[in-house]
Amino acid sequence: MSLAKVNIDLDQEQIKSYINERVNQILHQSFIFWDIDLMSKRTCMSKSFLENEILRDPRMKLLERRKEKGKRFWPFEESLSVVKEIMDEW
């Protein structure tokens, strides 16, 4: 009995895209809060752009958490929704 020979062609870009999508889904589920550094990385927006266009918005100001003169944090899910709303308004 001879063994069958199987050749599989894989699209490397499609595999990378799928892996990145799954990692993003997992990360979204694990974040509770994020800061401006992580926000900048995850949204691909510069910190100055975020400061000027997103974080000055009253909706984001309501979500901001910080002790007096301390580091600022935003609840992940809620602030992500607000960022999407702001972007949709442009």
N, C-alpha and C. Protein backbone atom coordinates (compact mmCIF):
# COMPACT_ATOMS: atom_id res chain seq x y z
N MET A 1 0.84 -1.16 0.00
CA MET A 1 0.00 0.00 0.00
C MET A 1 0.90 1.24 0.00
N SER A 2 0.65 2.17 -0.91
CA SER A 2 1.46 3.38 -0.98
C SER A 2 0.74 4.53 -0.26
N LEU A 3 1.55 5.41 0.29
CA LEU A 3 1.00 6.55 1.01
C LEU A 3 0.70 7.68 0.04
N ALA A 4 -0.37 8.41 0.31
CA ALA A 4 -0.73 9.54 -0.53
C ALA A 4 0.16 10.72 -0.19
N LYS A 5 0.52 11.47 -1.20
CA LYS A 5 1.33 12.67 -1.01
C LYS A 5 0.41 13.88 -1.12
N VAL A 6 0.45 14.74 -0.08
CA VAL A 6 -0.43 15.91 -0.04
C VAL A 6 0.41 17.17 -0.02
N ASN A 7 0.09 18.10 -0.91
CA ASN A 7 0.74 19.41 -0.94
C ASN A 7 -0.27 20.46 -0.50
N ILE A 8 0.14 21.35 0.40
CA ILE A 8 -0.74 22.41 0.89
C ILE A 8 -0.08 23.75 0.62
N ASP A 9 -0.81 24.62 -0.07
CA ASP A 9 -0.34 25.97 -0.32
C ASP A 9 -1.00 26.90 0.69
N LEU A 10 -0.20 27.68 1.42
CA LEU A 10 -0.72 28.59 2.44
C LEU A 10 -0.43 30.04 2.05
N ASP A 11 -1.39 30.89 2.25
CA ASP A 11 -1.22 32.32 2.02
C ASP A 11 -0.70 32.93 3.32
N GLN A 12 0.57 33.28 3.34
CA GLN A 12 1.21 33.79 4.56
C GLN A 12 0.55 35.08 5.06
N GLU A 13 0.17 35.96 4.16
CA GLU A 13 -0.45 37.22 4.58
C GLU A 13 -1.81 36.97 5.23
N GLN A 14 -2.56 36.04 4.69
CA GLN A 14 -3.86 35.72 5.26
C GLN A 14 -3.69 35.10 6.65
N ILE A 15 -2.69 34.28 6.83
CA ILE A 15 -2.42 33.67 8.13
C ILE A 15 -2.03 34.75 9.14
N LYS A 16 -1.13 35.67 8.75
CA LYS A 16 -0.73 36.77 9.63
C LYS A 16 -1.93 37.62 10.02
N SER A 17 -2.77 37.93 9.04
CA SER A 17 -3.95 38.74 9.29
C SER A 17 -4.88 38.05 10.29
N TYR A 18 -5.09 36.76 10.11
CA TYR A 18 -5.95 36.00 11.02
C TYR A 18 -5.38 36.00 12.43
N ILE A 19 -4.09 35.77 12.55
CA ILE A 19 -3.45 35.73 13.88
C ILE A 19 -3.57 37.10 14.56
N ASN A 20 -3.29 38.17 13.81
CA ASN A 20 -3.41 39.52 14.39
C ASN A 20 -4.84 39.81 14.84
N GLU A 21 -5.81 39.39 14.05
CA GLU A 21 -7.21 39.60 14.41
C GLU A 21 -7.56 38.85 15.70
N ARG A 22 -7.13 37.63 15.82
CA ARG A 22 -7.41 36.84 17.03
C ARG A 22 -6.72 37.44 18.26
N VAL A 23 -5.47 37.88 18.10
CA VAL A 23 -4.75 38.51 19.21
C VAL A 23 -5.49 39.77 19.66
N ASN A 24 -5.95 40.57 18.70
CA ASN A 24 -6.70 41.78 19.04
C ASN A 24 -7.98 41.45 19.79
N GLN A 25 -8.68 40.41 19.36
CA GLN A 25 -9.90 40.01 20.05
C GLN A 25 -9.61 39.60 21.49
N ILE A 26 -8.55 38.85 21.68
CA ILE A 26 -8.18 38.40 23.02
C ILE A 26 -7.77 39.58 23.89
N LEU A 27 -6.99 40.50 23.32
CA LEU A 27 -6.57 41.68 24.07
C LEU A 27 -7.76 42.54 24.47
N HIS A 28 -8.71 42.71 23.56
CA HIS A 28 -9.89 43.52 23.86
C HIS A 28 -10.65 42.93 25.03
N GLN A 29 -10.67 41.63 25.15
CA GLN A 29 -11.40 40.99 26.23
C GLN A 29 -10.67 41.12 27.56
N SER A 30 -9.35 41.34 27.52
CA SER A 30 -8.58 41.34 28.76
C SER A 30 -8.34 42.74 29.33
N PHE A 31 -8.50 43.79 28.54
CA PHE A 31 -8.26 45.14 29.04
C PHE A 31 -9.42 45.61 29.90
N ILE A 32 -9.09 46.22 31.02
CA ILE A 32 -10.10 46.88 31.84
C ILE A 32 -9.93 48.39 31.67
N PHE A 33 -8.69 48.87 31.80
CA PHE A 33 -8.36 50.27 31.61
C PHE A 33 -7.20 50.37 30.63
N TRP A 34 -7.08 51.52 30.02
CA TRP A 34 -5.91 51.80 29.19
C TRP A 34 -5.48 53.24 29.38
N ASP A 35 -4.20 53.49 29.10
CA ASP A 35 -3.66 54.84 29.22
C ASP A 35 -3.40 55.38 27.82
N ILE A 36 -2.87 56.59 27.74
CA ILE A 36 -2.67 57.21 26.43
C ILE A 36 -1.62 56.46 25.60
N ASP A 37 -0.63 55.86 26.25
CA ASP A 37 0.38 55.10 25.51
C ASP A 37 -0.24 53.90 24.80
N LEU A 38 -1.02 53.14 25.52
CA LEU A 38 -1.66 51.97 24.94
C LEU A 38 -2.73 52.40 23.92
N MET A 39 -3.43 53.47 24.23
CA MET A 39 -4.43 53.98 23.30
C MET A 39 -3.79 54.37 21.97
N SER A 40 -2.63 55.00 22.05
CA SER A 40 -1.91 55.41 20.86
C SER A 40 -1.49 54.19 20.03
N LYS A 41 -0.98 53.17 20.69
CA LYS A 41 -0.55 51.96 19.99
C LYS A 41 -1.73 51.23 19.36
N ARG A 42 -2.80 51.06 20.11
CA ARG A 42 -3.94 50.26 19.64
C ARG A 42 -4.73 50.97 18.54
N THR A 43 -4.75 52.31 18.55
CA THR A 43 -5.52 53.05 17.55
C THR A 43 -4.67 53.55 16.39
N CYS A 44 -3.35 53.40 16.50
CA CYS A 44 -2.42 53.90 15.48
C CYS A 44 -2.53 55.42 15.31
N MET A 45 -2.81 56.11 16.39
CA MET A 45 -2.89 57.57 16.39
C MET A 45 -1.80 58.10 17.32
N SER A 46 -1.24 59.24 16.95
CA SER A 46 -0.19 59.82 17.79
C SER A 46 -0.80 60.34 19.09
N LYS A 47 0.06 60.46 20.10
CA LYS A 47 -0.40 60.98 21.38
C LYS A 47 -0.91 62.41 21.24
N SER A 48 -0.23 63.22 20.43
CA SER A 48 -0.67 64.61 20.26
C SER A 48 -2.02 64.66 19.55
N PHE A 49 -2.24 63.80 18.58
CA PHE A 49 -3.54 63.75 17.91
C PHE A 49 -4.62 63.34 18.90
N LEU A 50 -4.34 62.32 19.69
CA LEU A 50 -5.32 61.89 20.70
C LEU A 50 -5.63 63.01 21.67
N GLU A 51 -4.59 63.70 22.14
CA GLU A 51 -4.79 64.80 23.08
C GLU A 51 -5.67 65.89 22.47
N ASN A 52 -5.37 66.27 21.23
CA ASN A 52 -6.05 67.40 20.59
C ASN A 52 -7.45 67.06 20.07
N GLU A 53 -7.63 65.87 19.56
CA GLU A 53 -8.87 65.54 18.87
C GLU A 53 -9.81 64.62 19.63
N ILE A 54 -9.28 63.78 20.49
CA ILE A 54 -10.11 62.77 21.15
C ILE A 54 -10.27 63.05 22.64
N LEU A 55 -9.17 63.23 23.34
CA LEU A 55 -9.23 63.31 24.80
C LEU A 55 -9.80 64.63 25.32
N ARG A 56 -9.87 65.64 24.49
CA ARG A 56 -10.48 66.90 24.89
C ARG A 56 -12.00 66.88 24.76
N ASP A 57 -12.50 65.87 24.10
CA ASP A 57 -13.95 65.74 23.92
C ASP A 57 -14.60 65.53 25.29
N PRO A 58 -15.71 66.22 25.56
CA PRO A 58 -16.37 66.09 26.87
C PRO A 58 -16.75 64.66 27.22
N ARG A 59 -17.08 63.85 26.23
CA ARG A 59 -17.45 62.45 26.50
C ARG A 59 -16.26 61.67 27.05
N MET A 60 -15.06 61.94 26.53
CA MET A 60 -13.86 61.27 27.04
C MET A 60 -13.47 61.83 28.40
N LYS A 61 -13.68 63.14 28.59
CA LYS A 61 -13.36 63.75 29.88
C LYS A 61 -14.19 63.10 31.00
N LEU A 62 -15.44 62.76 30.71
CA LEU A 62 -16.29 62.11 31.71
C LEU A 62 -15.75 60.73 32.12
N LEU A 63 -15.08 60.06 31.21
CA LEU A 63 -14.58 58.72 31.47
C LEU A 63 -13.20 58.70 32.13
N GLU A 64 -12.49 59.82 32.05
CA GLU A 64 -11.12 59.88 32.55
C GLU A 64 -11.05 59.62 34.05
N ARG A 65 -10.10 58.78 34.45
CA ARG A 65 -9.86 58.48 35.86
C ARG A 65 -8.43 58.88 36.20
N ARG A 66 -8.28 59.59 37.32
CA ARG A 66 -6.94 60.00 37.72
C ARG A 66 -6.97 60.55 39.13
N LYS A 67 -5.90 60.29 39.85
CA LYS A 67 -5.73 60.95 41.13
C LYS A 67 -5.11 62.31 40.84
N GLU A 68 -5.11 63.18 41.84
CA GLU A 68 -4.59 64.52 41.63
C GLU A 68 -3.18 64.48 41.05
N LYS A 69 -3.02 65.06 39.88
CA LYS A 69 -1.76 65.12 39.14
C LYS A 69 -1.14 63.74 38.88
N GLY A 70 -1.96 62.73 38.82
CA GLY A 70 -1.48 61.38 38.56
C GLY A 70 -1.69 60.99 37.11
N LYS A 71 -1.32 59.77 36.81
CA LYS A 71 -1.48 59.23 35.47
C LYS A 71 -2.97 59.07 35.15
N ARG A 72 -3.33 59.35 33.90
CA ARG A 72 -4.72 59.25 33.48
C ARG A 72 -5.00 57.86 32.91
N PHE A 73 -6.19 57.36 33.18
CA PHE A 73 -6.67 56.08 32.66
C PHE A 73 -8.10 56.25 32.18
N TRP A 74 -8.51 55.40 31.25
CA TRP A 74 -9.88 55.38 30.76
C TRP A 74 -10.38 53.93 30.75
N PRO A 75 -11.63 53.71 31.14
CA PRO A 75 -12.20 52.36 31.04
C PRO A 75 -12.18 51.94 29.57
N PHE A 76 -11.66 50.77 29.30
CA PHE A 76 -11.40 50.36 27.92
C PHE A 76 -12.65 50.32 27.04
N GLU A 77 -13.62 49.52 27.41
CA GLU A 77 -14.79 49.32 26.54
C GLU A 77 -15.55 50.62 26.30
N GLU A 78 -15.81 51.37 27.35
CA GLU A 78 -16.58 52.60 27.22
C GLU A 78 -15.84 53.64 26.38
N SER A 79 -14.56 53.81 26.66
CA SER A 79 -13.80 54.82 25.92
C SER A 79 -13.59 54.42 24.47
N LEU A 80 -13.47 53.13 24.20
CA LEU A 80 -13.34 52.68 22.82
C LEU A 80 -14.60 53.03 22.03
N SER A 81 -15.75 52.86 22.65
CA SER A 81 -17.02 53.23 22.00
C SER A 81 -17.06 54.73 21.71
N VAL A 82 -16.60 55.53 22.67
CA VAL A 82 -16.60 56.98 22.49
C VAL A 82 -15.63 57.38 21.37
N VAL A 83 -14.46 56.76 21.32
CA VAL A 83 -13.50 57.05 20.24
C VAL A 83 -14.14 56.76 18.89
N LYS A 84 -14.84 55.64 18.79
CA LYS A 84 -15.52 55.30 17.53
C LYS A 84 -16.59 56.34 17.18
N GLU A 85 -17.35 56.77 18.17
CA GLU A 85 -18.37 57.81 17.94
C GLU A 85 -17.73 59.10 17.42
N ILE A 86 -16.64 59.51 18.06
CA ILE A 86 -15.96 60.75 17.65
C ILE A 86 -15.45 60.61 16.22
N MET A 87 -14.87 59.48 15.92
CA MET A 87 -14.34 59.26 14.56
C MET A 87 -15.46 59.24 13.53
N ASP A 88 -16.61 58.70 13.88
CA ASP A 88 -17.74 58.65 12.95
C ASP A 88 -18.31 60.03 12.66
N GLU A 89 -18.09 60.97 13.56
CA GLU A 89 -18.62 62.33 13.40
C GLU A 89 -17.79 63.16 12.42
N TRP A 90 -16.61 62.72 12.10
CA TRP A 90 -15.76 63.53 11.20
C TRP A 90 -16.23 63.47 9.80
